Amino acid sequence: MTFLVTGATGKVGRHVVEHLLRAGQPVRALTRDPARAALPAPVDVVRGDLTAPETLAAAFDGVVGVHLLTMGGDDYATLRTGPELAELMGKAGVQRVTLLWNGQVGPVEEAFAHSSLEWTRLQPVDFMSNALGWAPAIRAEGEVREPFADVPGGIVDEADVGAVSARVLVDGGHVGRTYALTGPQALSQRQRLDTIAQAIGRPLRLTELTERQARDRWRQAGHSEELIELLVAWQSNPPSESTTISPAVREITGRAPRSFADWVAAHADRFR
């Protein structure tokens, strides 16, 4: 029973690989650049691109379960190849799939909902590690600039997301379920920055951007208009799943989700 992890070098994918290996499962990792994967030696690293299904047939051979991204490419665009992926997996005999949500239900989710595969949708609200994007500004200026500074969100450690995906793939029993995945608290960006300040023993400032300033910054960063609209909608007026603390991590893994304070303590040197 081999498990395939797509996006295996990404934030969540590496943790899915790690937790599957801990469970003693054979793991195959899909990446567009195997030479740069830097994954543990037991992992079978294969080349493939989710936006090009013709590159993937061999990757699914002998695979029982797949951790699947729902976005692809460098621009984080919603993946449009869901029907082709579901067909390839069905033909290969894949049984179980975890679908990693990208903030909206799109072609991948729709295709698997109409397939014969056992699918489970994982909906992480926001990743704790996204705070690392503040690290250079914190070190240099003691200030970060963000829009929608006081909107709360139930951020989650991606290691917890990886643990949930691995358990669902190995154990089964979650067919057709959707799980919002959060940490133990809903924190605004201002509260997250305060947590970092306490951990490093240094006062930090948050300057709130207007929506227009945020859009301009995201365009300058090369984000697509589709992604910008998603970011604005998600950060300014998030769905109830974003602010409702979910019990899913505890229920599926048997342990409490990591707190942001604990995550910051483990990464405090990155902000000093």
Protein backbone atom coordinates (compact mmCIF):
# COMPACT_ATOMS: atom_id res chain seq x y z
CA MET A 1 0.00 0.00 0.00
CA THR A 2 1.79 3.07 -1.28
CA PHE A 3 0.58 6.60 -0.54
CA LEU A 4 1.23 9.44 -2.98
CA VAL A 5 1.75 12.96 -1.66
CA THR A 6 1.37 15.79 -4.15
CA GLY A 7 2.98 19.10 -3.28
CA ALA A 8 5.35 16.98 -1.22
CA THR A 9 7.92 19.77 -0.87
CA GLY A 10 5.34 22.34 0.24
CA LYS A 11 4.17 23.54 3.64
CA VAL A 12 1.69 20.74 4.29
CA GLY A 13 3.08 18.09 1.96
CA ARG A 14 6.34 17.62 3.85
CA HIS A 15 4.37 16.97 7.03
CA VAL A 16 2.07 14.47 5.31
CA VAL A 17 5.19 12.61 4.16
CA GLU A 18 6.66 12.72 7.67
CA HIS A 19 3.52 11.40 9.36
CA LEU A 20 3.03 8.63 6.81
CA LEU A 21 6.63 7.50 7.33
CA ARG A 22 6.12 7.54 11.11
CA ALA A 23 3.13 5.26 10.58
CA GLY A 24 5.38 2.85 8.67
CA GLN A 25 3.74 3.45 5.30
CA PRO A 26 5.51 3.45 1.91
CA VAL A 27 5.46 6.97 0.46
CA ARG A 28 5.77 8.29 -3.07
CA ALA A 29 6.24 12.04 -3.50
CA LEU A 30 5.20 14.00 -6.56
CA THR A 31 7.18 17.11 -7.43
CA ARG A 32 7.98 19.10 -10.53
CA ASP A 33 11.69 19.10 -9.63
CA PRO A 34 12.86 15.87 -7.93
CA ALA A 35 16.46 17.11 -7.79
CA ARG A 36 15.42 19.78 -5.29
CA ALA A 37 13.00 17.70 -3.23
CA ALA A 38 15.35 16.96 -0.30
CA LEU A 39 12.99 14.34 1.13
CA PRO A 40 14.01 11.40 3.36
CA ALA A 41 15.69 8.47 1.62
CA PRO A 42 12.77 5.97 1.96
CA VAL A 43 10.54 8.25 -0.12
CA ASP A 44 10.11 7.40 -3.81
CA VAL A 45 10.35 10.82 -5.47
CA VAL A 46 8.77 11.08 -8.92
CA ARG A 47 8.43 13.91 -11.40
CA GLY A 48 4.99 15.18 -12.39
CA ASP A 49 2.82 18.26 -12.74
CA LEU A 50 -0.82 18.40 -11.63
CA THR A 51 -1.57 20.91 -14.37
CA ALA A 52 -0.37 18.38 -16.97
CA PRO A 53 -2.21 15.06 -16.32
CA GLU A 54 -0.28 13.33 -19.11
CA THR A 55 2.77 13.41 -16.80
CA LEU A 56 1.04 11.56 -13.97
CA ALA A 57 -0.12 8.10 -15.05
CA ALA A 58 2.93 6.26 -13.69
CA ALA A 59 2.80 8.19 -10.42
CA PHE A 60 -0.51 6.52 -9.48
CA ASP A 61 0.62 2.92 -10.12
CA GLY A 62 0.17 0.81 -7.00
CA VAL A 63 -1.10 3.76 -4.97
CA VAL A 64 -3.94 3.27 -2.47
CA GLY A 65 -4.26 6.84 -1.21
CA VAL A 66 -3.39 10.34 -2.41
CA HIS A 67 -2.93 13.65 -0.65
CA LEU A 68 -4.01 16.04 -3.40
CA LEU A 69 -3.56 19.78 -3.83
CA THR A 70 -6.42 21.75 -5.35
CA MET A 71 -4.18 24.43 -6.80
CA GLY A 72 -1.25 24.15 -9.16
CA GLY A 73 1.55 26.13 -10.72
CA ASP A 74 3.69 28.94 -9.39
CA ASP A 75 0.75 31.36 -9.34
CA TYR A 76 -1.30 29.26 -6.89
CA ALA A 77 -4.20 29.24 -9.34
CA THR A 78 -7.13 26.90 -8.77
CA LEU A 79 -6.37 23.57 -10.40
CA ARG A 80 -8.57 22.93 -13.45
CA THR A 81 -7.60 19.31 -14.11
CA GLY A 82 -9.84 17.66 -11.51
CA PRO A 83 -11.79 15.50 -13.97
CA GLU A 84 -8.61 14.13 -15.55
CA LEU A 85 -7.05 13.45 -12.14
CA ALA A 86 -10.13 11.63 -10.86
CA GLU A 87 -10.22 9.49 -14.01
CA LEU A 88 -6.51 8.62 -13.78
CA MET A 89 -6.81 7.65 -10.12
CA GLY A 90 -9.92 5.59 -10.73
CA LYS A 91 -8.19 3.64 -13.50
CA ALA A 92 -5.10 3.10 -11.31
CA GLY A 93 -7.17 1.67 -8.43
CA VAL A 94 -6.63 4.50 -5.97
CA GLN A 95 -9.12 4.17 -3.13
CA ARG A 96 -8.80 7.23 -0.91
CA VAL A 97 -8.03 10.93 -1.47
CA THR A 98 -7.60 13.89 0.85
CA LEU A 99 -8.28 17.19 -0.92
CA LEU A 100 -6.37 20.16 0.47
CA TRP A 101 -8.68 23.16 0.15
CA ASN A 102 -7.38 26.42 -1.33
CA GLY A 103 -10.15 28.62 0.02
CA GLN A 104 -12.91 27.78 -2.43
CA VAL A 105 -14.65 24.75 -3.87
CA GLY A 106 -13.50 24.31 -7.46
CA PRO A 107 -13.07 21.80 -10.30
CA VAL A 108 -11.08 19.30 -8.24
CA GLU A 109 -13.65 19.03 -5.45
CA GLU A 110 -16.50 18.85 -7.95
CA ALA A 111 -14.81 16.10 -9.97
CA PHE A 112 -14.11 13.90 -6.95
CA ALA A 113 -17.61 14.42 -5.56
CA HIS A 114 -18.89 12.77 -8.74
CA SER A 115 -16.29 9.99 -8.75
CA SER A 116 -16.25 6.56 -7.11
CA LEU A 117 -13.21 7.40 -4.97
CA GLU A 118 -13.34 7.91 -1.21
CA TRP A 119 -12.64 11.63 -0.81
CA THR A 120 -12.26 13.84 2.24
CA ARG A 121 -11.86 17.61 2.07
CA LEU A 122 -9.44 19.29 4.49
CA GLN A 123 -10.02 23.01 5.03
CA PRO A 124 -7.17 24.67 6.93
CA VAL A 125 -8.11 28.26 7.71
CA ASP A 126 -4.65 29.82 7.67
CA PHE A 127 -1.17 28.51 8.38
CA MET A 128 0.84 29.63 11.39
CA SER A 129 4.01 29.57 9.31
CA ASN A 130 2.67 32.41 7.16
CA ALA A 131 3.88 34.64 10.00
CA LEU A 132 7.43 33.87 8.87
CA GLY A 133 6.77 36.26 6.00
CA TRP A 134 6.97 39.01 8.61
CA ALA A 135 10.38 37.94 9.89
CA PRO A 136 12.59 40.20 7.68
CA ALA A 137 10.51 43.30 8.48
CA ILE A 138 10.42 42.46 12.19
CA ARG A 139 14.18 42.01 12.33
CA ALA A 140 14.91 45.13 10.29
CA GLU A 141 12.20 47.58 11.40
CA GLY A 142 10.14 46.11 14.20
CA GLU A 143 7.07 46.77 12.08
CA VAL A 144 4.76 44.87 9.74
CA ARG A 145 2.15 46.24 7.34
CA GLU A 146 -1.03 44.27 6.75
CA PRO A 147 -4.67 44.88 5.82
CA PHE A 148 -7.67 43.80 7.91
CA ALA A 149 -5.52 43.75 11.05
CA ASP A 150 -8.28 42.97 13.53
CA VAL A 151 -10.16 40.22 11.69
CA PRO A 152 -9.70 36.94 13.62
CA GLY A 153 -8.80 33.61 12.10
CA GLY A 154 -8.33 30.12 13.52
CA ILE A 155 -4.77 29.62 12.29
CA VAL A 156 -3.38 26.09 12.32
CA ASP A 157 0.06 24.55 12.36
CA GLU A 158 0.56 22.83 9.01
CA ALA A 159 2.15 19.92 10.89
CA ASP A 160 -1.31 19.29 12.38
CA VAL A 161 -2.84 19.41 8.89
CA GLY A 162 -0.26 16.87 7.73
CA ALA A 163 -1.07 14.61 10.67
CA VAL A 164 -4.80 14.76 9.89
CA SER A 165 -4.26 13.96 6.21
CA ALA A 166 -2.02 10.99 7.02
CA ARG A 167 -4.51 9.55 9.52
CA VAL A 168 -7.43 9.93 7.12
CA LEU A 169 -5.50 8.26 4.30
CA VAL A 170 -4.28 5.34 6.41
CA ASP A 171 -7.36 4.72 8.55
CA GLY A 172 -10.21 5.62 6.20
CA GLY A 173 -13.71 6.11 7.52
CA HIS A 174 -14.07 9.76 6.50
CA VAL A 175 -15.76 9.38 3.13
CA GLY A 176 -17.41 12.54 1.86
CA ARG A 177 -16.56 14.51 4.99
CA THR A 178 -15.30 18.09 5.10
CA TYR A 179 -13.14 19.15 8.04
CA ALA A 180 -12.28 22.72 8.91
CA LEU A 181 -8.84 22.60 10.54
CA THR A 182 -7.88 25.22 13.10
CA GLY A 183 -5.62 25.70 16.06
CA PRO A 184 -7.06 26.22 19.56
CA GLN A 185 -7.60 29.99 19.14
CA ALA A 186 -8.88 32.49 16.57
CA LEU A 187 -6.33 35.30 16.47
CA SER A 188 -6.22 38.52 14.48
CA GLN A 189 -3.03 39.60 12.79
CA ARG A 190 -2.53 42.20 15.51
CA GLN A 191 -2.83 39.50 18.18
CA ARG A 192 -0.39 37.26 16.31
CA LEU A 193 2.14 40.08 16.19
CA ASP A 194 1.66 40.71 19.91
CA THR A 195 2.40 37.02 20.55
CA ILE A 196 5.63 37.28 18.58
CA ALA A 197 6.59 40.47 20.45
CA GLN A 198 6.12 38.72 23.79
CA ALA A 199 8.22 35.75 22.66
CA ILE A 200 11.18 37.85 21.49
CA GLY A 201 10.90 40.44 24.26
CA ARG A 202 10.69 43.40 21.90
CA PRO A 203 7.86 45.84 21.08
CA LEU A 204 6.51 45.51 17.53
CA ARG A 205 4.20 47.74 15.49
CA LEU A 206 1.47 46.85 13.04
CA THR A 207 0.57 49.45 10.41
CA GLU A 208 -2.76 48.65 8.80
CA LEU A 209 -2.95 48.89 5.01
CA THR A 210 -6.08 49.92 3.14
CA GLU A 211 -7.65 47.39 0.83
CA ARG A 212 -6.34 49.33 -2.16
CA GLN A 213 -2.81 49.34 -0.77
CA ALA A 214 -3.06 45.60 -0.14
CA ARG A 215 -4.27 44.93 -3.67
CA ASP A 216 -1.38 46.98 -5.10
CA ARG A 217 1.14 45.11 -2.99
CA TRP A 218 -0.23 41.71 -4.07
CA ARG A 219 -0.12 42.77 -7.73
CA GLN A 220 3.47 43.88 -7.33
CA ALA A 221 4.22 40.47 -5.83
CA GLY A 222 2.91 38.89 -9.05
CA HIS A 223 -0.32 37.42 -7.71
CA SER A 224 -3.09 36.73 -10.20
CA GLU A 225 -6.34 38.70 -10.01
CA GLU A 226 -8.11 35.47 -9.06
CA LEU A 227 -5.83 35.01 -6.06
CA ILE A 228 -6.10 38.67 -5.07
CA GLU A 229 -9.89 38.50 -5.02
CA LEU A 230 -9.68 35.37 -2.90
CA LEU A 231 -7.27 37.03 -0.46
CA VAL A 232 -9.44 40.13 -0.11
CA ALA A 233 -12.61 38.13 0.45
CA TRP A 234 -10.96 35.71 2.85
CA GLN A 235 -9.14 38.32 4.94
CA SER A 236 -11.83 41.01 5.04
CA ASN A 237 -14.94 38.89 5.56
CA PRO A 238 -13.96 35.29 6.26
CA PRO A 239 -16.57 32.52 6.44
CA SER A 240 -17.72 31.25 9.79
CA GLU A 241 -15.31 28.30 9.50
CA SER A 242 -12.46 30.78 9.89
CA THR A 243 -13.51 32.00 13.31
CA THR A 244 -15.12 28.84 14.70
CA ILE A 245 -12.59 26.67 16.49
CA SER A 246 -12.78 23.15 15.10
CA PRO A 247 -12.33 19.94 17.13
CA ALA A 248 -11.21 18.01 14.03
CA VAL A 249 -7.46 17.89 14.76
CA ARG A 250 -8.06 16.42 18.21
CA GLU A 251 -10.77 14.04 17.04
CA ILE A 252 -8.76 12.62 14.14
CA THR A 253 -5.23 12.59 15.58
CA GLY A 254 -6.08 12.01 19.24
CA ARG A 255 -4.13 15.07 20.44
CA ALA A 256 -4.74 18.78 20.82
CA PRO A 257 -3.72 21.13 18.00
CA ARG A 258 -0.62 23.24 18.55
CA SER A 259 -1.15 26.77 19.83
CA PHE A 260 0.29 29.79 18.05
CA ALA A 261 2.23 30.70 21.20
CA ASP A 262 3.90 27.27 21.15
CA TRP A 263 4.62 27.62 17.44
CA VAL A 264 6.19 31.05 17.94
CA ALA A 265 8.32 29.80 20.84
CA ALA A 266 9.74 27.11 18.56
CA HIS A 267 10.54 29.66 15.82
CA ALA A 268 11.41 32.72 17.89
CA ASP A 269 14.98 32.91 16.60
CA ARG A 270 13.64 33.54 13.09
CA PHE A 271 12.16 36.85 14.31
CA ARG A 272 15.07 38.11 16.41
